[in-house]
Protein backbone atom coordinates (compact mmCIF):
# COMPACT_ATOMS: atom_id res chain seq x y z
CA MET A 1 10.24 13.30 20.72
CA ILE A 2 11.42 12.86 17.12
CA ALA A 3 12.70 9.36 17.90
CA ALA A 4 9.30 8.43 19.36
CA LEU A 5 7.51 9.72 16.26
CA LEU A 6 9.85 7.79 13.98
CA LEU A 7 9.31 4.63 16.04
CA ALA A 8 5.53 5.06 15.82
CA ALA A 9 5.72 5.63 12.06
CA PHE A 10 7.83 2.49 11.62
CA ALA A 11 5.40 0.43 13.71
CA ALA A 12 2.48 1.71 11.64
CA GLN A 13 4.19 0.41 8.50
CA ALA A 14 5.16 -2.97 9.95
CA PRO A 15 3.78 -5.88 7.95
CA MET A 16 0.92 -8.00 9.22
CA VAL A 17 2.24 -11.57 9.10
CA GLU A 18 0.18 -14.74 9.46
CA ASP A 19 2.00 -17.94 10.39
CA PHE A 20 -1.19 -19.70 11.63
CA SER A 21 0.38 -20.38 15.01
CA ARG A 22 -3.03 -19.43 16.45
CA GLY A 23 -4.84 -21.76 14.07
CA MET A 24 -8.08 -20.25 12.78
CA ASP A 25 -8.42 -17.71 15.61
CA ASP A 26 -7.88 -14.75 13.28
CA TRP A 27 -9.96 -16.14 10.41
CA TRP A 28 -13.48 -17.28 9.69
CA ALA A 29 -14.80 -19.45 6.86
CA GLU A 30 -17.93 -19.34 4.75
CA GLY A 31 -18.90 -22.49 2.83
CA GLY A 32 -16.54 -25.31 1.89
CA GLU A 33 -16.21 -28.98 2.77
CA ARG A 34 -13.49 -28.31 5.32
CA VAL A 35 -11.19 -25.45 6.30
CA TRP A 36 -8.34 -26.15 8.72
CA VAL A 37 -4.73 -25.37 9.65
CA GLU A 38 -2.12 -28.09 9.32
CA ASP A 39 1.68 -27.76 9.48
CA GLY A 40 1.38 -23.98 9.56
CA ARG A 41 -0.68 -23.81 6.37
CA LEU A 42 -4.29 -22.86 5.73
CA HIS A 43 -5.98 -25.77 3.93
CA VAL A 44 -9.25 -25.16 2.10
CA LYS A 45 -11.18 -28.04 0.55
CA ALA A 46 -14.22 -27.06 -1.52
CA ASP A 47 -14.80 -29.62 -4.25
CA ASN A 48 -17.95 -31.51 -3.32
CA LEU A 49 -21.16 -30.35 -4.97
CA LYS A 50 -23.18 -33.02 -3.13
CA ILE A 51 -23.21 -31.11 0.14
CA PRO A 52 -24.58 -27.57 0.69
CA GLY A 53 -21.84 -25.02 0.11
CA GLY A 54 -19.34 -27.80 -0.58
CA GLY A 55 -18.26 -26.50 -3.96
CA ALA A 56 -16.96 -23.09 -2.85
CA ALA A 57 -15.34 -21.49 0.18
CA THR A 58 -14.32 -18.01 1.27
CA VAL A 59 -12.00 -17.48 4.24
CA TRP A 60 -11.68 -14.00 5.74
CA TRP A 61 -8.80 -12.49 7.71
CA LYS A 62 -10.29 -10.59 10.64
CA ARG A 63 -7.57 -7.92 10.56
CA PRO A 64 -8.52 -4.91 8.38
CA HIS A 65 -5.99 -3.50 5.94
CA PRO A 66 -5.41 0.07 4.69
CA ALA A 67 -6.09 1.27 1.16
CA ASN A 68 -2.45 0.99 0.07
CA PHE A 69 -0.46 -2.18 0.67
CA VAL A 70 1.71 -4.98 -0.67
CA LEU A 71 0.17 -8.40 -0.03
CA GLU A 72 2.23 -11.57 -0.51
CA MET A 73 1.35 -15.24 -0.13
CA ASP A 74 2.08 -18.74 -1.40
CA ALA A 75 -0.70 -20.80 -2.96
CA HIS A 76 -0.55 -24.51 -3.83
CA VAL A 77 -3.39 -26.39 -5.53
CA ILE A 78 -3.54 -30.03 -4.50
CA SER A 79 -6.45 -31.05 -6.74
CA SER A 80 -9.40 -29.71 -8.71
CA SER A 81 -12.10 -31.98 -10.10
CA PHE A 82 -12.67 -29.84 -13.19
CA GLY A 83 -9.02 -28.87 -13.64
CA GLY A 84 -9.59 -25.19 -13.00
CA ASN A 85 -7.18 -24.85 -10.03
CA ASN A 86 -9.16 -21.88 -8.77
CA VAL A 87 -7.30 -19.31 -6.64
CA ASN A 88 -9.16 -16.11 -5.72
CA MET A 89 -8.12 -13.15 -3.59
CA PHE A 90 -10.55 -10.56 -2.18
CA PHE A 91 -9.35 -7.22 -0.80
CA SER A 92 -10.74 -3.81 0.23
CA TYR A 93 -13.96 -5.66 1.09
CA ARG A 94 -16.68 -4.08 3.21
CA ASP A 95 -20.45 -3.89 3.40
CA PRO A 96 -21.82 -0.68 1.80
CA SER A 97 -24.28 -0.48 4.70
CA GLY A 98 -21.39 -0.18 7.17
CA ARG A 99 -22.16 -3.46 8.97
CA PRO A 100 -19.09 -5.56 9.79
CA LEU A 101 -18.75 -8.57 7.49
CA PHE A 102 -18.28 -10.83 10.50
CA GLU A 103 -21.75 -9.92 11.74
CA THR A 104 -23.37 -10.89 8.41
CA ARG A 105 -21.41 -14.08 7.80
CA ALA A 106 -24.45 -16.33 8.34
CA SER A 107 -26.14 -14.77 5.29
CA ARG A 108 -23.21 -16.04 3.16
CA ALA A 109 -22.99 -19.52 4.68
CA SER A 110 -23.29 -21.12 1.23
CA ALA A 111 -20.35 -19.03 -0.09
CA ASP A 112 -22.35 -18.49 -3.28
CA TYR A 113 -20.32 -16.16 -5.51
CA GLY A 114 -23.22 -13.77 -5.96
CA HIS A 115 -23.22 -12.85 -2.27
CA TYR A 116 -19.86 -11.14 -2.67
CA HIS A 117 -20.83 -9.21 -5.79
CA LYS A 118 -23.17 -7.09 -3.66
CA LEU A 119 -20.39 -5.89 -1.37
CA ASP A 120 -17.67 -3.29 -1.95
CA GLY A 121 -14.34 -4.83 -2.89
CA TYR A 122 -11.92 -6.12 -5.49
CA ILE A 123 -11.45 -9.69 -6.71
CA ILE A 124 -8.37 -11.11 -8.41
CA THR A 125 -8.91 -14.54 -9.95
CA PHE A 126 -5.94 -16.74 -10.87
CA LEU A 127 -6.81 -20.10 -12.41
CA ARG A 128 -6.11 -22.58 -15.17
CA ASP A 129 -8.42 -21.61 -17.99
CA VAL A 130 -10.41 -24.63 -19.14
CA ALA A 131 -13.41 -24.69 -21.45
CA GLY A 132 -14.32 -27.84 -23.33
CA LEU A 133 -11.17 -29.48 -24.69
CA GLY A 134 -9.03 -26.36 -24.60
CA GLY A 135 -8.69 -22.94 -23.11
CA ARG A 136 -10.42 -19.75 -24.11
CA HIS A 137 -7.21 -18.05 -25.12
CA PRO A 138 -7.39 -16.99 -28.80
CA ASP A 139 -4.83 -19.61 -29.78
CA GLY A 140 -6.88 -22.36 -28.10
CA SER A 141 -4.26 -23.24 -25.50
CA THR A 142 -4.88 -23.70 -21.79
CA LYS A 143 -3.04 -20.89 -20.06
CA ALA A 144 -3.50 -19.18 -16.74
CA ARG A 145 -6.32 -16.65 -16.75
CA ILE A 146 -6.16 -13.61 -14.52
CA ARG A 147 -9.14 -11.34 -13.96
CA VAL A 148 -9.40 -8.20 -11.83
CA ARG A 149 -12.96 -7.22 -10.90
CA ARG A 150 -14.60 -4.54 -8.79
CA ASN A 151 -17.74 -4.87 -6.72
CA PRO A 152 -20.55 -4.19 -6.28
CA GLY A 153 -21.59 -5.24 -9.75
CA PHE A 154 -18.80 -7.70 -10.64
CA HIS A 155 -17.30 -5.22 -13.11
CA LEU A 156 -14.35 -6.55 -15.14
CA LEU A 157 -11.39 -4.16 -14.95
CA LYS A 158 -8.74 -6.37 -16.56
CA GLU A 159 -8.34 -9.82 -18.12
CA TYR A 160 -5.06 -11.45 -19.04
CA PHE A 161 -4.05 -14.87 -20.36
CA GLY A 162 -0.50 -16.07 -19.85
CA GLY A 163 1.82 -18.25 -17.86
CA HIS A 164 0.27 -21.25 -16.10
CA CYS A 165 -1.66 -22.28 -12.99
CA GLU A 166 -0.99 -25.95 -12.39
CA ALA A 167 -1.76 -28.32 -9.54
CA GLY A 168 1.22 -29.56 -7.56
CA ARG A 169 3.14 -26.29 -7.90
CA THR A 170 3.62 -23.58 -5.30
CA TYR A 171 3.11 -20.07 -6.64
CA HIS A 172 4.24 -16.91 -4.87
CA LEU A 173 1.53 -14.30 -5.45
CA THR A 174 1.82 -10.55 -4.87
CA VAL A 175 -0.97 -7.97 -4.92
CA THR A 176 0.10 -4.32 -4.79
CA ARG A 177 -2.38 -1.52 -4.31
CA ARG A 178 -1.19 2.09 -4.41
CA GLY A 179 -3.74 4.82 -5.04
CA LYS A 180 -5.74 3.97 -8.12
CA THR A 181 -3.28 1.32 -9.36
CA ILE A 182 -3.61 -2.41 -8.67
CA SER A 183 -1.03 -4.93 -9.87
CA PHE A 184 -0.78 -8.70 -9.60
CA ALA A 185 2.44 -10.69 -9.87
CA VAL A 186 3.15 -14.43 -10.02
CA ASP A 187 6.59 -15.59 -8.89
CA GLY A 188 7.85 -12.02 -9.18
CA GLU A 189 6.52 -11.39 -12.69
CA VAL A 190 3.81 -8.75 -12.99
CA MET A 191 0.96 -10.35 -14.94
CA ALA A 192 -1.73 -7.66 -14.74
CA THR A 193 -1.92 -3.96 -13.89
CA VAL A 194 -5.08 -1.87 -13.84
CA ASP A 195 -6.11 1.63 -12.80
CA ASP A 196 -9.40 2.28 -11.03
CA PRO A 197 -10.26 5.98 -11.39
CA ASN A 198 -12.46 5.85 -8.27
CA PRO A 199 -10.52 3.54 -5.94
CA LEU A 200 -12.10 1.89 -2.94
CA PRO A 201 -10.71 2.44 0.58
CA GLY A 202 -9.23 -0.29 2.74
CA GLY A 203 -11.22 -3.17 4.16
CA LEU A 204 -10.90 -6.91 4.67
CA PHE A 205 -8.80 -9.48 2.84
CA GLY A 206 -10.23 -12.88 1.94
CA LEU A 207 -9.18 -16.09 0.18
CA ARG A 208 -11.63 -17.98 -2.01
CA THR A 209 -11.75 -21.09 -4.14
CA PHE A 210 -14.25 -23.02 -6.25
CA ARG A 211 -14.22 -26.81 -6.83
CA THR A 212 -10.61 -26.95 -5.71
CA TYR A 213 -8.55 -28.22 -2.78
CA LEU A 214 -5.52 -26.05 -2.01
CA TRP A 215 -3.43 -24.51 0.74
CA TRP A 216 -2.09 -21.02 1.46
CA ASP A 217 1.06 -20.12 3.38
CA ASN A 218 3.48 -17.26 4.12
CA ILE A 219 0.83 -14.56 4.11
CA SER A 220 2.02 -11.02 4.82
CA LEU A 221 0.52 -7.61 4.20
CA LYS A 222 2.71 -4.51 4.37
CA PRO A 223 0.94 -1.14 4.52
CA LEU A 224 2.20 1.55 2.14
CA ASP A 225 2.14 5.31 2.67
């Protein structure tokens, strides 16, 4: 009996791993020029403002996650027409009305950013900060910019400038959520930590980009007690 309970507890904590061997079967896309799986990687191209929804894309994992987890993935920007190298991660996402996000996907077909600000969820943005000839960092340099936001309302919880987010490099990204604390690490270095006094429950995980072509790989999500 005890052995069976321990086995069940271990299974409940087993990571969810995505190797894209089933292609896009466990995902759906909103917006973008093209979203596809190639060589075991999820490619997302969204850098064409001349077609409807071509400048942004959001790709959702159909498997819900719990409130507490460690999420890991690799991200690699191939190109970005404005140099922003935009990498976004959504988590704990759900519709406040209770309707499944998959059922309402047609209403977000353009992947306009504002659609997602009306839902419950967190956003972590990791990008190369560009504005004019330089970055918006106080010293004028172009660093990576990390922002943690909560929806609905697009409320800024944390902003941090540091490190880099360059095209042609593969970054290992880690999001950890435990209770009210959210942390974000790049290549093992924690870059931002924030506490939300009224944390959201679990929900869906999504990947988003804006005017960028990139791929994701080695995605795993391990539930935490």
